[in-house]
PDB file of N, CA and C in Angstrom:
ATOM      1  N   MET A   1      14.352  91.553  31.135  1.00  0.00           N
ATOM      2  CA  MET A   1      13.260  92.053  30.338  1.00  0.00           C
ATOM      3  C   MET A   1      13.097  91.206  29.081  1.00  0.00           C
ATOM      4  N   ARG A   2      14.240  90.884  28.475  1.00  0.00           N
ATOM      5  CA  ARG A   2      14.175  90.071  27.283  1.00  0.00           C
ATOM      6  C   ARG A   2      13.621  88.682  27.641  1.00  0.00           C
ATOM      7  N   TYR A   3      14.011  88.176  28.776  1.00  0.00           N
ATOM      8  CA  TYR A   3      13.527  86.883  29.237  1.00  0.00           C
ATOM      9  C   TYR A   3      12.013  86.929  29.453  1.00  0.00           C
ATOM     10  N   LEU A   4      11.489  87.983  30.008  1.00  0.00           N
ATOM     11  CA  LEU A   4      10.061  88.148  30.257  1.00  0.00           C
ATOM     12  C   LEU A   4       9.286  88.250  28.957  1.00  0.00           C
ATOM     13  N   LEU A   5       9.814  88.997  27.993  1.00  0.00           N
ATOM     14  CA  LEU A   5       9.138  89.122  26.695  1.00  0.00           C
ATOM     15  C   LEU A   5       9.153  87.788  25.946  1.00  0.00           C
ATOM     16  N   GLY A   6      10.247  87.082  26.040  1.00  0.00           N
ATOM     17  CA  GLY A   6      10.330  85.762  25.380  1.00  0.00           C
ATOM     18  C   GLY A   6       9.351  84.769  25.977  1.00  0.00           C
ATOM     19  N   THR A   7       9.217  84.772  27.288  1.00  0.00           N
ATOM     20  CA  THR A   7       8.274  83.872  27.959  1.00  0.00           C
ATOM     21  C   THR A   7       6.850  84.253  27.628  1.00  0.00           C
ATOM     22  N   ALA A   8       6.560  85.553  27.584  1.00  0.00           N
ATOM     23  CA  ALA A   8       5.212  86.013  27.238  1.00  0.00           C
ATOM     24  C   ALA A   8       4.862  85.630  25.806  1.00  0.00           C
ATOM     25  N   ALA A   9       5.823  85.765  24.907  1.00  0.00           N
ATOM     26  CA  ALA A   9       5.576  85.394  23.508  1.00  0.00           C
ATOM     27  C   ALA A   9       5.343  83.891  23.388  1.00  0.00           C
ATOM     28  N   LEU A  10       6.106  83.118  24.150  1.00  0.00           N
ATOM     29  CA  LEU A  10       5.936  81.668  24.125  1.00  0.00           C
ATOM     30  C   LEU A  10       4.574  81.262  24.661  1.00  0.00           C
ATOM     31  N   VAL A  11       4.156  81.867  25.766  1.00  0.00           N
ATOM     32  CA  VAL A  11       2.846  81.568  26.354  1.00  0.00           C
ATOM     33  C   VAL A  11       1.736  81.999  25.407  1.00  0.00           C
ATOM     34  N   ALA A  12       1.874  83.149  24.772  1.00  0.00           N
ATOM     35  CA  ALA A  12       0.867  83.632  23.820  1.00  0.00           C
ATOM     36  C   ALA A  12       0.779  82.700  22.611  1.00  0.00           C
ATOM     37  N   GLY A  13       1.920  82.212  22.166  1.00  0.00           N
ATOM     38  CA  GLY A  13       1.929  81.284  21.030  1.00  0.00           C
ATOM     39  C   GLY A  13       1.248  79.969  21.362  1.00  0.00           C
ATOM     40  N   ILE A  14       1.493  79.464  22.560  1.00  0.00           N
ATOM     41  CA  ILE A  14       0.858  78.219  22.986  1.00  0.00           C
ATOM     42  C   ILE A  14      -0.646  78.398  23.106  1.00  0.00           C
ATOM     43  N   CYS A  15      -1.071  79.518  23.681  1.00  0.00           N
ATOM     44  CA  CYS A  15      -2.508  79.783  23.834  1.00  0.00           C
ATOM     45  C   CYS A  15      -3.183  79.935  22.488  1.00  0.00           C
ATOM     46  N   MET A  16      -2.527  80.620  21.552  1.00  0.00           N
ATOM     47  CA  MET A  16      -3.104  80.832  20.216  1.00  0.00           C
ATOM     48  C   MET A  16      -3.206  79.501  19.473  1.00  0.00           C
ATOM     49  N   SER A  17      -2.182  78.672  19.595  1.00  0.00           N
ATOM     50  CA  SER A  17      -2.207  77.408  18.864  1.00  0.00           C
ATOM     51  C   SER A  17      -3.228  76.444  19.476  1.00  0.00           C
ATOM     52  N   SER A  18      -3.400  76.460  20.795  1.00  0.00           N
ATOM     53  CA  SER A  18      -4.366  75.561  21.413  1.00  0.00           C
ATOM     54  C   SER A  18      -5.795  75.998  21.102  1.00  0.00           C
ATOM     55  N   THR A  19      -6.048  77.302  21.031  1.00  0.00           N
ATOM     56  CA  THR A  19      -7.392  77.757  20.681  1.00  0.00           C
ATOM     57  C   THR A  19      -7.678  77.483  19.209  1.00  0.00           C
ATOM     58  N   ALA A  20      -6.680  77.630  18.367  1.00  0.00           N
ATOM     59  CA  ALA A  20      -6.877  77.343  16.951  1.00  0.00           C
ATOM     60  C   ALA A  20      -7.128  75.846  16.762  1.00  0.00           C
ATOM     61  N   PHE A  21      -6.414  75.026  17.512  1.00  0.00           N
ATOM     62  CA  PHE A  21      -6.604  73.585  17.423  1.00  0.00           C
ATOM     63  C   PHE A  21      -7.984  73.199  17.948  1.00  0.00           C
ATOM     64  N   ALA A  22      -8.425  73.837  19.026  1.00  0.00           N
ATOM     65  CA  ALA A  22      -9.727  73.543  19.602  1.00  0.00           C
ATOM     66  C   ALA A  22     -10.849  73.963  18.669  1.00  0.00           C
ATOM     67  N   GLU A  23     -10.649  74.985  17.890  1.00  0.00           N
ATOM     68  CA  GLU A  23     -11.683  75.439  16.963  1.00  0.00           C
ATOM     69  C   GLU A  23     -11.823  74.500  15.770  1.00  0.00           C
ATOM     70  N   LYS A  24     -10.794  73.768  15.431  1.00  0.00           N
ATOM     71  CA  LYS A  24     -10.848  72.878  14.281  1.00  0.00           C
ATOM     72  C   LYS A  24     -11.536  71.555  14.602  1.00  0.00           C
ATOM     73  N   VAL A  25     -11.609  71.182  15.863  1.00  0.00           N
ATOM     74  CA  VAL A  25     -12.228  69.920  16.241  1.00  0.00           C
ATOM     75  C   VAL A  25     -13.709  70.157  16.490  1.00  0.00           C
ATOM     76  N   VAL A  26     -14.531  69.570  15.632  1.00  0.00           N
ATOM     77  CA  VAL A  26     -15.978  69.677  15.775  1.00  0.00           C
ATOM     78  C   VAL A  26     -16.543  68.267  15.851  1.00  0.00           C
ATOM     79  N   VAL A  27     -17.288  68.007  16.891  1.00  0.00           N
ATOM     80  CA  VAL A  27     -17.900  66.691  17.072  1.00  0.00           C
ATOM     81  C   VAL A  27     -19.401  66.857  16.935  1.00  0.00           C
ATOM     82  N   ARG A  28     -19.952  66.133  15.971  1.00  0.00           N
ATOM     83  CA  ARG A  28     -21.405  66.181  15.773  1.00  0.00           C
ATOM     84  C   ARG A  28     -21.970  64.799  16.046  1.00  0.00           C
ATOM     85  N   GLU A  29     -22.956  64.744  16.889  1.00  0.00           N
ATOM     86  CA  GLU A  29     -23.579  63.475  17.222  1.00  0.00           C
ATOM     87  C   GLU A  29     -25.076  63.584  17.006  1.00  0.00           C
ATOM     88  N   THR A  30     -25.619  62.548  16.438  1.00  0.00           N
ATOM     89  CA  THR A  30     -27.073  62.468  16.348  1.00  0.00           C
ATOM     90  C   THR A  30     -27.492  61.265  17.167  1.00  0.00           C
ATOM     91  N   ARG A  31     -28.255  61.509  18.162  1.00  0.00           N
ATOM     92  CA  ARG A  31     -28.696  60.434  19.040  1.00  0.00           C
ATOM     93  C   ARG A  31     -30.199  60.257  18.895  1.00  0.00           C
ATOM     94  N   SER A  32     -30.582  59.028  18.710  1.00  0.00           N
ATOM     95  CA  SER A  32     -31.998  58.717  18.580  1.00  0.00           C
ATOM     96  C   SER A  32     -32.650  58.760  19.959  1.00  0.00           C
ATOM     97  N   PRO A  33     -33.856  59.291  20.067  1.00  0.00           N
ATOM     98  CA  PRO A  33     -34.528  59.294  21.374  1.00  0.00           C
ATOM     99  C   PRO A  33     -34.984  57.890  21.776  1.00  0.00           C
ATOM    100  N   VAL A  34     -35.125  56.992  20.790  1.00  0.00           N
ATOM    101  CA  VAL A  34     -35.557  55.629  21.075  1.00  0.00           C
ATOM    102  C   VAL A  34     -34.367  54.698  20.875  1.00  0.00           C
ATOM    103  N   LEU A  35     -33.974  53.993  21.912  1.00  0.00           N
ATOM    104  CA  LEU A  35     -32.885  53.032  21.816  1.00  0.00           C
ATOM    105  C   LEU A  35     -33.459  51.670  21.459  1.00  0.00           C
ATOM    106  N   ALA A  36     -32.794  50.941  20.598  1.00  0.00           N
ATOM    107  CA  ALA A  36     -33.256  49.622  20.191  1.00  0.00           C
ATOM    108  C   ALA A  36     -32.967  48.601  21.281  1.00  0.00           C
ATOM    109  N   CYS A  37     -33.896  47.686  21.466  1.00  0.00           N
ATOM    110  CA  CYS A  37     -33.743  46.632  22.460  1.00  0.00           C
ATOM    111  C   CYS A  37     -34.125  45.311  21.808  1.00  0.00           C
ATOM    112  N   TYR A  38     -33.226  44.344  21.864  1.00  0.00           N
ATOM    113  CA  TYR A  38     -33.488  43.034  21.274  1.00  0.00           C
ATOM    114  C   TYR A  38     -33.156  41.947  22.282  1.00  0.00           C
ATOM    115  N   GLN A  39     -33.892  40.869  22.209  1.00  0.00           N
ATOM    116  CA  GLN A  39     -33.670  39.727  23.077  1.00  0.00           C
ATOM    117  C   GLN A  39     -33.222  38.551  22.212  1.00  0.00           C
ATOM    118  N   GLN A  40     -32.204  37.828  22.671  1.00  0.00           N
ATOM    119  CA  GLN A  40     -31.667  36.692  21.933  1.00  0.00           C
ATOM    120  C   GLN A  40     -32.509  35.452  22.225  1.00  0.00           C
ATOM    121  N   VAL A  41     -32.987  34.787  21.165  1.00  0.00           N
ATOM    122  CA  VAL A  41     -33.816  33.593  21.299  1.00  0.00           C
ATOM    123  C   VAL A  41     -33.181  32.465  20.493  1.00  0.00           C
ATOM    124  N   TYR A  42     -33.040  31.292  21.119  1.00  0.00           N
ATOM    125  CA  TYR A  42     -32.451  30.131  20.450  1.00  0.00           C
ATOM    126  C   TYR A  42     -33.529  29.403  19.645  1.00  0.00           C
ATOM    127  N   VAL A  43     -33.213  29.085  18.393  1.00  0.00           N
ATOM    128  CA  VAL A  43     -34.123  28.334  17.532  1.00  0.00           C
ATOM    129  C   VAL A  43     -33.450  26.994  17.224  1.00  0.00           C
ATOM    130  N   PRO A  44     -34.058  25.873  17.665  1.00  0.00           N
ATOM    131  CA  PRO A  44     -33.426  24.572  17.394  1.00  0.00           C
ATOM    132  C   PRO A  44     -33.491  24.226  15.910  1.00  0.00           C
ATOM    133  N   ALA A  45     -32.685  23.264  15.509  1.00  0.00           N
ATOM    134  CA  ALA A  45     -32.638  22.850  14.107  1.00  0.00           C
ATOM    135  C   ALA A  45     -33.957  22.197  13.698  1.00  0.00           C
ATOM    136  N   THR A  46     -34.315  22.394  12.433  1.00  0.00           N
ATOM    137  CA  THR A  46     -35.483  21.734  11.865  1.00  0.00           C
ATOM    138  C   THR A  46     -34.977  20.527  11.089  1.00  0.00           C
ATOM    139  N   VAL A  47     -35.352  19.337  11.554  1.00  0.00           N
ATOM    140  CA  VAL A  47     -34.850  18.095  10.963  1.00  0.00           C
ATOM    141  C   VAL A  47     -36.045  17.263  10.501  1.00  0.00           C
ATOM    142  N   MET A  48     -35.955  16.741   9.261  1.00  0.00           N
ATOM    143  CA  MET A  48     -36.998  15.875   8.739  1.00  0.00           C
ATOM    144  C   MET A  48     -36.506  14.428   8.837  1.00  0.00           C
ATOM    145  N   TYR A  49     -37.281  13.583   9.506  1.00  0.00           N
ATOM    146  CA  TYR A  49     -36.942  12.171   9.660  1.00  0.00           C
ATOM    147  C   TYR A  49     -37.811  11.347   8.718  1.00  0.00           C
ATOM    148  N   ASN A  50     -37.216  10.332   8.108  1.00  0.00           N
ATOM    149  CA  ASN A  50     -37.930   9.420   7.233  1.00  0.00           C
ATOM    150  C   ASN A  50     -37.766   8.020   7.825  1.00  0.00           C
ATOM    151  N   SER A  51     -38.873   7.456   8.339  1.00  0.00           N
ATOM    152  CA  SER A  51     -38.790   6.137   8.971  1.00  0.00           C
ATOM    153  C   SER A  51     -38.577   5.027   7.946  1.00  0.00           C
ATOM    154  N   ARG A  52     -38.886   5.286   6.696  1.00  0.00           N
ATOM    155  CA  ARG A  52     -38.635   4.308   5.636  1.00  0.00           C
ATOM    156  C   ARG A  52     -37.583   4.862   4.682  1.00  0.00           C
ATOM    157  N   GLY A  53     -36.393   5.124   5.203  1.00  0.00           N
ATOM    158  CA  GLY A  53     -35.335   5.721   4.408  1.00  0.00           C
ATOM    159  C   GLY A  53     -34.657   4.754   3.468  1.00  0.00           C
ATOM    160  N   VAL A  54     -33.943   3.767   3.995  1.00  0.00           N
ATOM    161  CA  VAL A  54     -33.190   2.808   3.187  1.00  0.00           C
ATOM    162  C   VAL A  54     -33.706   1.406   3.507  1.00  0.00           C
ATOM    163  N   LEU A  55     -34.173   0.701   2.485  1.00  0.00           N
ATOM    164  CA  LEU A  55     -34.698  -0.650   2.654  1.00  0.00           C
ATOM    165  C   LEU A  55     -33.564  -1.624   2.941  1.00  0.00           C
ATOM    166  N   VAL A  56     -33.707  -2.386   4.026  1.00  0.00           N
ATOM    167  CA  VAL A  56     -32.718  -3.394   4.388  1.00  0.00           C
ATOM    168  C   VAL A  56     -33.221  -4.784   3.985  1.00  0.00           C
ATOM    169  N   GLN A  57     -34.488  -5.067   4.326  1.00  0.00           N
ATOM    170  CA  GLN A  57     -35.072  -6.370   4.015  1.00  0.00           C
ATOM    171  C   GLN A  57     -36.527  -6.162   3.629  1.00  0.00           C
ATOM    172  N   ARG A  58     -36.938  -6.784   2.527  1.00  0.00           N
ATOM    173  CA  ARG A  58     -38.325  -6.653   2.070  1.00  0.00           C
ATOM    174  C   ARG A  58     -39.289  -7.405   2.993  1.00  0.00           C
ATOM    175  N   GLU A  59     -40.552  -7.055   2.847  1.00  0.00           N
ATOM    176  CA  GLU A  59     -41.595  -7.766   3.573  1.00  0.00           C
ATOM    177  C   GLU A  59     -41.661  -9.199   3.043  1.00  0.00           C
ATOM    178  N   SER A  60     -41.914 -10.131   3.938  1.00  0.00           N
ATOM    179  CA  SER A  60     -41.975 -11.530   3.498  1.00  0.00           C
ATOM    180  C   SER A  60     -43.093 -12.274   4.214  1.00  0.00           C
ATOM    181  N   VAL A  61     -43.534 -13.322   3.574  1.00  0.00           N
ATOM    182  CA  VAL A  61     -44.541 -14.217   4.143  1.00  0.00           C
ATOM    183  C   VAL A  61     -43.942 -15.614   4.104  1.00  0.00           C
ATOM    184  N   SER A  62     -44.012 -16.315   5.227  1.00  0.00           N
ATOM    185  CA  SER A  62     -43.441 -17.660   5.275  1.00  0.00           C
ATOM    186  C   SER A  62     -44.336 -18.578   6.108  1.00  0.00           C
ATOM    187  N   TRP A  63     -44.050 -19.841   6.024  1.00  0.00           N
ATOM    188  CA  TRP A  63     -44.786 -20.841   6.786  1.00  0.00           C
ATOM    189  C   TRP A  63     -43.906 -21.359   7.911  1.00  0.00           C
ATOM    190  N   VAL A  64     -44.492 -21.470   9.089  1.00  0.00           N
ATOM    191  CA  VAL A  64     -43.803 -22.048  10.232  1.00  0.00           C
ATOM    192  C   VAL A  64     -44.542 -23.348  10.568  1.00  0.00           C
ATOM    193  N   VAL A  65     -43.798 -24.440  10.552  1.00  0.00           N
ATOM    194  CA  VAL A  65     -44.392 -25.757  10.803  1.00  0.00           C
ATOM    195  C   VAL A  65     -43.936 -26.223  12.180  1.00  0.00           C
ATOM    196  N   THR A  66     -44.931 -26.504  13.042  1.00  0.00           N
ATOM    197  CA  THR A  66     -44.658 -27.026  14.379  1.00  0.00           C
ATOM    198  C   THR A  66     -45.474 -28.311  14.529  1.00  0.00           C
ATOM    199  N   GLY A  67     -44.785 -29.423  14.401  1.00  0.00           N
ATOM    200  CA  GLY A  67     -45.496 -30.717  14.485  1.00  0.00           C
ATOM    201  C   GLY A  67     -46.460 -30.863  13.324  1.00  0.00           C
ATOM    202  N   ASP A  68     -47.767 -30.958  13.637  1.00  0.00           N
ATOM    203  CA  ASP A  68     -48.782 -31.062  12.600  1.00  0.00           C
ATOM    204  C   ASP A  68     -49.513 -29.741  12.372  1.00  0.00           C
ATOM    205  N   ARG A  69     -48.978 -28.655  12.929  1.00  0.00           N
ATOM    206  CA  ARG A  69     -49.611 -27.324  12.803  1.00  0.00           C
ATOM    207  C   ARG A  69     -48.797 -26.453  11.857  1.00  0.00           C
ATOM    208  N   TRP A  70     -49.491 -25.878  10.866  1.00  0.00           N
ATOM    209  CA  TRP A  70     -48.871 -24.971   9.887  1.00  0.00           C
ATOM    210  C   TRP A  70     -49.415 -23.570  10.132  1.00  0.00           C
ATOM    211  N   GLU A  71     -48.495 -22.608  10.284  1.00  0.00           N
ATOM    212  CA  GLU A  71     -48.916 -21.206  10.500  1.00  0.00           C
ATOM    213  C   GLU A  71     -48.257 -20.319   9.455  1.00  0.00           C
ATOM    214  N   LYS A  72     -49.077 -19.452   8.875  1.00  0.00           N
ATOM    215  CA  LYS A  72     -48.569 -18.492   7.896  1.00  0.00           C
ATOM    216  C   LYS A  72     -48.148 -17.234   8.676  1.00  0.00           C
ATOM    217  N   VAL A  73     -46.867 -16.864   8.558  1.00  0.00           N
ATOM    218  CA  VAL A  73     -46.313 -15.759   9.339  1.00  0.00           C
ATOM    219  C   VAL A  73     -45.853 -14.653   8.386  1.00  0.00           C
ATOM    220  N   ARG A  74     -46.223 -13.455   8.721  1.00  0.00           N
ATOM    221  CA  ARG A  74     -45.820 -12.287   7.926  1.00  0.00           C
ATOM    222  C   ARG A  74     -44.721 -11.544   8.670  1.00  0.00           C
ATOM    223  N   SER A  75     -43.619 -11.229   7.974  1.00  0.00           N
ATOM    224  CA  SER A  75     -42.530 -10.427   8.551  1.00  0.00           C
ATOM    225  C   SER A  75     -42.522  -9.086   7.839  1.00  0.00           C
ATOM    226  N   PRO A  76     -42.697  -8.002   8.572  1.00  0.00           N
ATOM    227  CA  PRO A  76     -42.705  -6.685   7.921  1.00  0.00           C
ATOM    228  C   PRO A  76     -41.326  -6.301   7.397  1.00  0.00           C
ATOM    229  N   ALA A  77     -41.298  -5.321   6.527  1.00  0.00           N
ATOM    230  CA  ALA A  77     -40.042  -4.837   5.940  1.00  0.00           C
ATOM    231  C   ALA A  77     -39.198  -4.152   7.020  1.00  0.00           C
ATOM    232  N   VAL A  78     -37.895  -4.106   6.784  1.00  0.00           N
ATOM    233  CA  VAL A  78     -36.959  -3.475   7.716  1.00  0.00           C
ATOM    234  C   VAL A  78     -36.269  -2.329   6.980  1.00  0.00           C
ATOM    235  N   TYR A  79     -36.250  -1.149   7.622  1.00  0.00           N
ATOM    236  CA  TYR A  79     -35.672   0.052   7.007  1.00  0.00           C
ATOM    237  C   TYR A  79     -34.686   0.712   7.964  1.00  0.00           C
ATOM    238  N   PHE A  80     -33.685   1.388   7.399  1.00  0.00           N
ATOM    239  CA  PHE A  80     -32.851   2.310   8.167  1.00  0.00           C
ATOM    240  C   PHE A  80     -33.527   3.666   8.137  1.00  0.00           C
ATOM    241  N   GLU A  81     -33.620   4.305   9.288  1.00  0.00           N
ATOM    242  CA  GLU A  81     -34.201   5.639   9.348  1.00  0.00           C
ATOM    243  C   GLU A  81     -33.175   6.655   8.833  1.00  0.00           C
ATOM    244  N   THR A  82     -33.622   7.604   8.032  1.00  0.00           N
ATOM    245  CA  THR A  82     -32.745   8.657   7.527  1.00  0.00           C
ATOM    246  C   THR A  82     -33.253   9.999   8.028  1.00  0.00           C
ATOM    247  N   SER A  83     -32.347  10.967   8.073  1.00  0.00           N
ATOM    248  CA  SER A  83     -32.724  12.319   8.503  1.00  0.00           C
ATOM    249  C   SER A  83     -32.066  13.347   7.595  1.00  0.00           C
ATOM    250  N   LYS A  84     -32.724  14.482   7.463  1.00  0.00           N
ATOM    251  CA  LYS A  84     -32.213  15.570   6.637  1.00  0.00           C
ATOM    252  C   LYS A  84     -32.448  16.870   7.404  1.00  0.00           C
ATOM    253  N   THR A  85     -31.396  17.659   7.580  1.00  0.00           N
ATOM    254  CA  THR A  85     -31.519  18.937   8.277  1.00  0.00           C
ATOM    255  C   THR A  85     -32.034  19.981   7.298  1.00  0.00           C
ATOM    256  N   LEU A  86     -33.228  20.482   7.557  1.00  0.00           N
ATOM    257  CA  LEU A  86     -33.825  21.496   6.687  1.00  0.00           C
ATOM    258  C   LEU A  86     -33.309  22.887   7.031  1.00  0.00           C
ATOM    259  N   GLU A  87     -33.140  23.141   8.334  1.00  0.00           N
ATOM    260  CA  GLU A  87     -32.653  24.449   8.793  1.00  0.00           C
ATOM    261  C   GLU A  87     -31.772  24.215  10.016  1.00  0.00           C
ATOM    262  N   PRO A  88     -30.514  24.661   9.996  1.00  0.00           N
ATOM    263  CA  PRO A  88     -29.645  24.439  11.160  1.00  0.00           C
ATOM    264  C   PRO A  88     -30.075  25.300  12.347  1.00  0.00           C
ATOM    265  N   ASP A  89     -29.629  24.912  13.544  1.00  0.00           N
ATOM    266  CA  ASP A  89     -29.968  25.695  14.730  1.00  0.00           C
ATOM    267  C   ASP A  89     -29.268  27.045  14.665  1.00  0.00           C
ATOM    268  N   HIS A  90     -29.903  28.046  15.260  1.00  0.00           N
ATOM    269  CA  HIS A  90     -29.369  29.409  15.203  1.00  0.00           C
ATOM    270  C   HIS A  90     -30.035  30.254  16.291  1.00  0.00           C
ATOM    271  N   TYR A  91     -29.555  31.456  16.425  1.00  0.00           N
ATOM    272  CA  TYR A  91     -30.158  32.439  17.324  1.00  0.00           C
ATOM    273  C   TYR A  91     -30.838  33.509  16.484  1.00  0.00           C
ATOM    274  N   LYS A  92     -31.923  34.058  17.010  1.00  0.00           N
ATOM    275  CA  LYS A  92     -32.584  35.178  16.340  1.00  0.00           C
ATOM    276  C   LYS A  92     -32.787  36.291  17.356  1.00  0.00           C
ATOM    277  N   LEU A  93     -32.831  37.517  16.869  1.00  0.00           N
ATOM    278  CA  LEU A  93     -33.037  38.677  17.732  1.00  0.00           C
ATOM    279  C   LEU A  93     -34.485  39.136  17.597  1.00  0.00           C
ATOM    280  N   VAL A  94     -35.168  39.181  18.729  1.00  0.00           N
ATOM    281  CA  VAL A  94     -36.580  39.560  18.775  1.00  0.00           C
ATOM    282  C   VAL A  94     -36.660  40.887  19.519  1.00  0.00           C
ATOM    283  N   PRO A  95     -37.406  41.868  18.988  1.00  0.00           N
ATOM    284  CA  PRO A  95     -37.542  43.146  19.709  1.00  0.00           C
ATOM    285  C   PRO A  95     -38.159  42.954  21.100  1.00  0.00           C
ATOM    286  N   CYS A  96     -37.641  43.703  22.053  1.00  0.00           N
ATOM    287  CA  CYS A  96     -38.165  43.641  23.423  1.00  0.00           C
ATOM    288  C   CYS A  96     -39.570  44.219  23.460  1.00  0.00           C
ATOM    289  N   LYS A  97     -40.348  43.706  24.386  1.00  0.00           N
ATOM    290  CA  LYS A  97     -41.732  44.198  24.512  1.00  0.00           C
ATOM    291  C   LYS A  97     -41.829  45.221  25.602  1.00  0.00           C
TER     292      LYS A  97
END
């Protein structure tokens, strides 16, 4: 009899503690009816090129003599091309349609 009462008390204690524990846990969720949708789009880098960046050789005019013929020859200037990155490449998120 004592064994039965002890087991009943133990079972009652477990049930009481589990219900008390269950009452303390409250989960509240707010869910939006509209889910966000985005698409990943690659944007290449924006680079500015300068064809006349660094002067290597100035423009010149010279004479070329071939036998009895004289020709005035123009040599255009020579430049190193330079570039400057205005905006690096990146990804952007665009809303789905």
